[in-house]
Protein backbone atom coordinates (compact mmCIF):
# COMPACT_ATOMS: atom_id res chain seq x y z
CA MET A 1 -14.45 -0.39 -13.26
CA SER A 2 -14.18 3.30 -11.99
CA THR A 3 -12.33 3.96 -8.76
CA PRO A 4 -15.38 5.19 -7.05
CA ARG A 5 -17.43 2.01 -7.85
CA ARG A 6 -14.40 -0.14 -6.72
CA ASN A 7 -14.07 1.86 -3.35
CA PHE A 8 -18.12 1.44 -2.90
CA LEU A 9 -17.71 -2.39 -3.46
CA THR A 10 -14.79 -2.59 -1.12
CA ALA A 11 -16.69 -0.76 1.64
CA LEU A 12 -19.53 -3.21 1.08
CA ALA A 13 -17.51 -6.18 1.34
CA SER A 14 -15.89 -5.10 4.69
CA ILE A 15 -18.59 -3.26 6.56
CA PHE A 16 -20.42 -6.48 7.98
CA VAL A 17 -17.27 -8.17 9.12
CA SER A 18 -15.82 -5.36 11.37
CA ARG A 19 -15.71 -5.72 15.06
CA PRO A 20 -13.77 -4.29 17.97
CA ALA A 21 -10.71 -6.28 18.81
CA SER A 22 -8.77 -6.95 22.03
CA SER A 23 -5.46 -4.95 22.63
CA GLU A 24 -3.40 -7.83 23.42
CA ASN A 25 -1.49 -9.65 20.86
CA GLN A 26 -1.14 -13.43 20.84
CA GLN A 27 2.05 -14.72 19.68
CA ILE A 28 1.58 -17.48 16.95
CA GLY A 29 3.44 -20.80 17.73
CA SER A 30 2.03 -22.91 14.74
CA SER A 31 2.14 -21.96 11.14
CA ILE A 32 -1.30 -23.67 10.69
CA ILE A 33 -4.24 -21.41 10.29
CA ASP A 34 -6.66 -24.14 8.98
CA ASP A 35 -5.83 -27.61 7.91
CA LEU A 36 -9.69 -28.60 7.72
CA SER A 37 -9.24 -31.14 10.45
CA ARG A 38 -12.10 -29.85 12.52
CA GLU A 39 -15.73 -29.99 12.30
CA PRO A 40 -17.02 -27.49 9.85
CA PRO A 41 -17.09 -24.52 9.80
CA ILE A 42 -14.54 -24.39 12.57
CA ALA A 43 -10.78 -23.74 11.65
CA THR A 44 -7.86 -25.22 13.24
CA MET A 45 -7.39 -21.91 15.13
CA GLY A 46 -10.66 -22.34 16.80
CA THR A 47 -12.50 -19.66 14.85
CA SER A 48 -15.31 -19.99 12.35
CA TRP A 49 -15.50 -19.49 8.64
CA GLN A 50 -18.17 -17.02 7.94
CA LEU A 51 -19.96 -16.15 4.39
CA PHE A 52 -20.84 -12.71 3.49
CA THR A 53 -22.49 -11.31 0.35
CA ASP A 54 -23.79 -8.01 -0.83
CA THR A 55 -27.26 -8.81 -0.04
CA VAL A 56 -26.94 -7.14 3.36
CA MET A 57 -26.69 -3.86 1.56
CA GLY A 58 -29.32 -4.58 -1.19
CA GLY A 59 -27.22 -6.40 -3.59
CA VAL A 60 -28.44 -9.67 -5.29
CA SER A 61 -25.17 -11.56 -5.44
CA GLU A 62 -25.63 -15.30 -4.27
CA ALA A 63 -23.32 -17.47 -2.66
CA THR A 64 -22.88 -20.74 -0.60
CA MET A 65 -20.12 -21.97 1.63
CA ALA A 66 -19.75 -25.71 2.00
CA ARG A 67 -17.23 -28.35 3.22
CA GLU A 68 -16.81 -30.59 0.42
CA THR A 69 -14.38 -33.25 -0.88
CA ILE A 70 -12.79 -31.98 -4.10
CA ALA A 71 -10.30 -34.26 -5.97
CA GLY A 72 -9.62 -36.36 -2.88
CA ARG A 73 -9.03 -33.42 -0.50
CA ALA A 74 -11.30 -31.80 2.15
CA ALA A 75 -12.07 -28.16 1.20
CA ILE A 76 -14.23 -25.18 2.11
CA ARG A 77 -15.69 -24.20 -1.16
CA LEU A 78 -17.11 -20.73 -2.01
CA GLN A 79 -19.59 -20.78 -5.00
CA GLY A 80 -21.90 -18.21 -6.17
CA ARG A 81 -22.90 -15.55 -8.73
CA VAL A 82 -21.51 -12.13 -8.44
CA SER A 83 -23.65 -9.48 -9.55
CA LEU A 84 -23.32 -5.52 -9.96
CA GLU A 85 -27.03 -4.92 -9.60
CA ASN A 86 -28.35 -2.74 -6.95
CA ASN A 87 -24.82 -1.38 -6.39
CA GLY A 88 -23.69 -5.01 -5.29
CA GLY A 89 -20.76 -6.92 -6.36
CA PHE A 90 -19.16 -9.23 -3.89
CA VAL A 91 -19.07 -12.70 -2.36
CA GLN A 92 -16.71 -13.50 0.62
CA ILE A 93 -15.78 -16.07 3.17
CA SER A 94 -13.78 -14.82 6.23
CA LEU A 95 -11.93 -16.19 9.23
CA ASP A 96 -10.88 -14.30 12.43
CA PHE A 97 -7.55 -15.34 13.76
CA ARG A 98 -8.71 -15.50 17.45
CA PRO A 99 -11.98 -16.25 18.99
CA ASP A 100 -12.08 -12.96 20.93
CA VAL A 101 -11.59 -11.26 17.63
CA GLY A 102 -8.18 -9.88 18.95
CA PRO A 103 -4.81 -9.41 17.13
CA ILE A 104 -2.07 -12.06 16.72
CA ASP A 105 1.48 -11.22 16.00
CA ALA A 106 2.42 -12.76 12.60
CA SER A 107 5.70 -10.98 12.27
CA PRO A 108 7.67 -14.35 12.29
CA TRP A 109 6.20 -15.19 9.14
CA ARG A 110 7.00 -13.89 5.48
CA GLY A 111 3.31 -14.41 4.25
CA ILE A 112 0.26 -16.85 3.92
CA GLU A 113 -0.13 -19.79 1.56
CA LEU A 114 -3.42 -21.18 0.38
CA ASP A 115 -3.94 -24.73 -1.11
CA THR A 116 -6.53 -23.75 -3.79
CA CYS A 117 -8.61 -25.38 -6.55
CA GLY A 118 -10.88 -23.19 -8.75
CA ASN A 119 -12.19 -21.76 -11.81
CA ASP A 120 -9.25 -19.82 -12.92
CA GLU A 121 -11.01 -16.43 -11.99
CA GLU A 122 -9.52 -13.66 -10.05
CA TYR A 123 -10.14 -13.61 -6.41
CA ALA A 124 -8.27 -11.66 -3.49
CA VAL A 125 -7.27 -12.32 -0.08
CA ASN A 126 -8.04 -9.30 2.18
CA LEU A 127 -6.05 -8.88 5.43
CA ARG A 128 -7.27 -6.57 8.36
CA THR A 129 -5.56 -5.26 11.34
CA THR A 130 -6.43 -3.79 14.67
CA ASP A 131 -5.14 -0.40 13.14
CA LEU A 132 -7.97 -0.26 10.66
CA THR A 133 -10.86 1.66 12.05
CA ARG A 134 -13.07 1.93 8.73
CA PRO A 135 -15.08 -1.06 7.55
CA TRP A 136 -13.75 -0.39 3.79
CA GLN A 137 -10.06 -0.38 4.90
CA SER A 138 -8.01 -3.45 4.15
CA TYR A 139 -4.70 -4.99 2.67
CA ARG A 140 -5.30 -6.91 -0.52
CA GLN A 141 -3.57 -9.37 -2.87
CA THR A 142 -5.01 -11.09 -5.80
CA PHE A 143 -4.63 -14.73 -7.02
CA ARG A 144 -6.19 -17.09 -9.67
CA PRO A 145 -6.89 -20.65 -8.48
CA ALA A 146 -6.15 -23.15 -11.22
CA PRO A 147 -8.58 -26.02 -11.86
CA HIS A 148 -6.45 -28.55 -10.01
CA TRP A 149 -4.93 -28.26 -6.41
CA GLU A 150 -1.90 -26.06 -6.16
CA THR A 151 -0.37 -24.02 -3.29
CA VAL A 152 -0.52 -20.12 -3.76
CA ARG A 153 1.89 -18.06 -1.75
CA LEU A 154 1.22 -14.48 -0.85
CA PRO A 155 3.93 -12.62 0.67
CA PHE A 156 2.99 -9.92 3.30
CA ALA A 157 5.20 -7.53 1.28
CA SER A 158 2.94 -7.76 -1.74
CA PHE A 159 -0.25 -6.86 0.05
CA VAL A 160 -1.53 -3.57 -1.18
CA PRO A 161 -3.12 -0.91 1.17
CA ASN A 162 -6.94 -0.62 0.31
CA ARG A 163 -8.34 2.89 1.18
CA THR A 164 -5.71 3.43 4.04
CA ASP A 165 -2.25 5.19 4.48
CA ILE A 166 -1.46 2.91 7.46
CA PRO A 167 1.27 0.37 6.69
CA LEU A 168 0.47 -3.28 7.23
CA ASP A 169 1.64 -4.07 10.93
CA LEU A 170 2.05 -7.89 11.11
CA HIS A 171 2.09 -7.56 14.93
CA ARG A 172 -1.70 -6.65 14.76
CA LEU A 173 -3.09 -8.94 12.46
CA ARG A 174 -6.94 -9.80 12.95
CA ARG A 175 -8.78 -11.39 10.06
CA LEU A 176 -8.28 -12.83 6.34
CA GLY A 177 -10.96 -12.99 3.96
CA VAL A 178 -11.23 -14.73 0.31
CA ILE A 179 -13.27 -12.58 -1.73
CA GLY A 180 -14.64 -12.36 -5.29
CA ILE A 181 -15.54 -8.75 -6.12
CA GLY A 182 -16.04 -5.99 -8.44
CA ARG A 183 -17.38 -7.77 -11.79
CA GLU A 184 -20.05 -10.15 -12.83
CA PHE A 185 -18.90 -13.70 -12.78
CA LEU A 186 -19.63 -17.14 -11.34
CA ALA A 187 -17.41 -17.69 -8.27
CA ASP A 188 -15.95 -21.19 -7.53
CA VAL A 189 -13.03 -21.36 -5.48
CA ALA A 190 -11.96 -24.01 -2.86
CA ILE A 191 -9.38 -23.79 0.03
CA GLY A 192 -7.86 -26.94 1.18
CA GLY A 193 -5.47 -25.41 3.85
CA VAL A 194 -4.18 -22.10 4.99
CA ARG A 195 -0.99 -21.55 6.60
CA PHE A 196 1.74 -18.94 7.40
CA TYR A 197 5.13 -19.65 5.82
CA ARG A 198 8.64 -18.48 6.63
């Protein structure tokens, strides 16, 4: 896929989830982001998972987000069909770290770990900070969920800046997203837990 098209799809994936953030950081005392113990779609941190697709920009990708039990575990599941028609190409679930959309200080942690189960397709975790002012900017790392439960660790040091020259500042972390983007495929990924790790 060409770089201009990839950049365009990245912009689409982010444009509808950008909101102004508080300037005050919150120190994180717990490593748990979501252990799926609360009523869906509310995460342990008190914010809610949200579903976005390219249909907001005229694309035709389709997706659902549901709380399900998969192989004996509670999970939030993203399923759908990613289509490149009408300049589309993404499906995404995202989660703010604070209800007021302000930043958190994740500097005590080395990265994020996900309990995942899926269809062995490539997905990405996108991170956003309050330093990013454009909706298409993010920090990204890919992963492939196996068809059985496993824990995937994503070190902060391995997140790649996406259309920004600003280094990732862990003192200003604001949001994460799990996204299928950039090619036509059937998306099916379940998240059974999200945590910071040391």
